[in-house]
N, C-alpha and C. Protein backbone atom coordinates (compact mmCIF):
# COMPACT_ATOMS: atom_id res chain seq x y z
N MET A 1 60.90 83.35 72.26
CA MET A 1 62.00 83.57 73.19
C MET A 1 62.59 82.22 73.62
N SER A 2 63.88 82.16 73.65
CA SER A 2 64.53 80.93 74.09
C SER A 2 65.01 81.09 75.53
N ASN A 3 64.91 80.04 76.28
CA ASN A 3 65.34 80.08 77.68
C ASN A 3 66.84 79.88 77.82
N ASP A 4 67.52 79.56 76.73
CA ASP A 4 68.96 79.35 76.80
C ASP A 4 69.71 80.62 77.22
N GLU A 5 69.16 81.77 76.87
CA GLU A 5 69.82 83.03 77.23
C GLU A 5 69.74 83.30 78.72
N ASN A 6 68.71 82.79 79.40
CA ASN A 6 68.51 83.08 80.81
C ASN A 6 69.11 82.02 81.73
N LEU A 7 69.67 80.95 81.19
CA LEU A 7 70.22 79.89 82.01
C LEU A 7 71.53 80.34 82.66
N ILE A 8 71.74 79.90 83.88
CA ILE A 8 72.95 80.24 84.62
C ILE A 8 73.74 78.97 84.85
N ASP A 9 75.00 79.01 84.55
CA ASP A 9 75.88 77.87 84.81
C ASP A 9 76.39 78.00 86.25
N PHE A 10 75.71 77.28 87.16
CA PHE A 10 76.05 77.41 88.58
C PHE A 10 77.45 76.90 88.88
N GLY A 11 77.92 75.91 88.15
CA GLY A 11 79.28 75.40 88.36
C GLY A 11 80.32 76.46 88.06
N ALA A 12 80.12 77.16 86.94
CA ALA A 12 81.08 78.21 86.57
C ALA A 12 81.03 79.37 87.55
N GLU A 13 79.82 79.74 87.97
CA GLU A 13 79.69 80.84 88.94
C GLU A 13 80.34 80.48 90.27
N ARG A 14 80.18 79.22 90.70
CA ARG A 14 80.79 78.77 91.94
C ARG A 14 82.31 78.80 91.83
N GLU A 15 82.84 78.36 90.70
CA GLU A 15 84.29 78.38 90.50
C GLU A 15 84.83 79.80 90.56
N LYS A 16 84.09 80.76 89.99
CA LYS A 16 84.52 82.16 90.04
C LYS A 16 84.58 82.65 91.48
N ARG A 17 83.54 82.33 92.26
CA ARG A 17 83.51 82.78 93.66
C ARG A 17 84.64 82.14 94.46
N ILE A 18 84.85 80.85 94.26
CA ILE A 18 85.92 80.16 94.98
C ILE A 18 87.27 80.74 94.59
N HIS A 19 87.44 81.03 93.30
CA HIS A 19 88.69 81.63 92.83
C HIS A 19 88.90 82.98 93.50
N ASP A 20 87.84 83.79 93.60
CA ASP A 20 87.95 85.10 94.24
C ASP A 20 88.33 84.97 95.71
N VAL A 21 87.75 83.98 96.40
CA VAL A 21 88.06 83.77 97.81
C VAL A 21 89.53 83.39 97.97
N HIS A 22 90.00 82.48 97.13
CA HIS A 22 91.40 82.06 97.21
C HIS A 22 92.34 83.21 96.85
N GLU A 23 91.96 83.99 95.86
CA GLU A 23 92.80 85.12 95.43
C GLU A 23 92.90 86.15 96.55
N LYS A 24 91.79 86.41 97.24
CA LYS A 24 91.80 87.36 98.35
C LYS A 24 92.70 86.86 99.47
N ARG A 25 92.60 85.56 99.80
CA ARG A 25 93.44 84.99 100.85
C ARG A 25 94.91 85.07 100.46
N LEU A 26 95.22 84.77 99.20
CA LEU A 26 96.59 84.84 98.73
C LEU A 26 97.14 86.25 98.82
N ASN A 27 96.34 87.24 98.43
CA ASN A 27 96.78 88.64 98.52
C ASN A 27 97.00 89.06 99.96
N ASP A 28 96.12 88.61 100.87
CA ASP A 28 96.30 88.94 102.29
C ASP A 28 97.60 88.35 102.83
N MET A 29 97.87 87.10 102.46
CA MET A 29 99.11 86.46 102.91
C MET A 29 100.33 87.18 102.33
N ARG A 30 100.22 87.57 101.07
CA ARG A 30 101.34 88.27 100.42
C ARG A 30 101.63 89.59 101.14
N LYS A 31 100.57 90.33 101.50
CA LYS A 31 100.75 91.60 102.22
C LYS A 31 101.38 91.37 103.58
N ALA A 32 100.92 90.33 104.28
CA ALA A 32 101.47 90.03 105.60
C ALA A 32 102.96 89.69 105.51
N PHE A 33 103.35 88.90 104.51
CA PHE A 33 104.76 88.56 104.34
C PHE A 33 105.58 89.79 103.96
N GLU A 34 105.03 90.66 103.14
CA GLU A 34 105.77 91.86 102.76
C GLU A 34 105.99 92.77 103.95
N GLN A 35 105.03 92.82 104.88
CA GLN A 35 105.22 93.63 106.08
C GLN A 35 106.23 92.99 107.01
N ALA A 36 106.18 91.67 107.16
CA ALA A 36 107.07 90.97 108.07
C ALA A 36 108.50 90.92 107.53
N MET A 37 108.64 90.64 106.24
CA MET A 37 109.96 90.51 105.63
C MET A 37 109.98 91.27 104.31
N PRO A 38 110.20 92.57 104.36
CA PRO A 38 110.21 93.34 103.11
C PRO A 38 111.35 92.90 102.19
N LEU A 39 111.05 92.87 100.91
CA LEU A 39 112.05 92.47 99.93
C LEU A 39 113.00 93.62 99.65
N PRO A 40 114.30 93.32 99.52
CA PRO A 40 115.24 94.39 99.14
C PRO A 40 114.97 94.83 97.71
N LYS A 41 114.91 96.14 97.50
CA LYS A 41 114.56 96.64 96.17
C LYS A 41 115.76 97.11 95.37
N GLY A 42 116.93 97.21 95.99
CA GLY A 42 118.09 97.76 95.29
C GLY A 42 118.82 96.76 94.42
N LYS A 43 118.99 95.54 94.88
CA LYS A 43 119.80 94.56 94.15
C LYS A 43 119.00 93.91 93.04
N LYS A 44 119.73 93.54 92.02
CA LYS A 44 119.11 92.78 90.93
C LYS A 44 120.03 91.63 90.57
N GLY A 45 119.50 90.44 90.61
CA GLY A 45 120.19 89.28 90.11
C GLY A 45 121.38 88.79 90.89
N GLY A 46 121.74 89.16 92.06
CA GLY A 46 122.97 88.82 92.73
C GLY A 46 123.22 87.34 92.90
N LYS A 47 123.01 86.52 91.87
CA LYS A 47 123.24 85.08 91.96
C LYS A 47 124.71 84.76 91.69
N LYS A 48 125.19 83.74 92.38
CA LYS A 48 126.54 83.27 92.13
C LYS A 48 126.51 82.26 90.98
N PRO A 49 127.58 82.20 90.20
CA PRO A 49 127.62 81.18 89.13
C PRO A 49 127.69 79.79 89.74
N LYS A 50 127.13 78.82 89.04
CA LYS A 50 127.12 77.44 89.53
C LYS A 50 128.54 76.85 89.50
N LYS A 51 128.83 76.10 90.55
CA LYS A 51 130.12 75.40 90.59
C LYS A 51 129.96 74.06 89.89
N ARG A 52 130.96 73.69 89.13
CA ARG A 52 130.88 72.42 88.41
C ARG A 52 131.95 71.49 88.89
């Protein structure tokens, strides 16, 4: 039996956890902004052409 199969990469596991924490915070902020300032859903693309 080789011990290589049972080794855990703690750096990679830590990065996953930190990523999950940041992702959760980002989603919470996104929800808060959507409640405070809902985006208009009817318009598409209403940009003005650039002036030259």
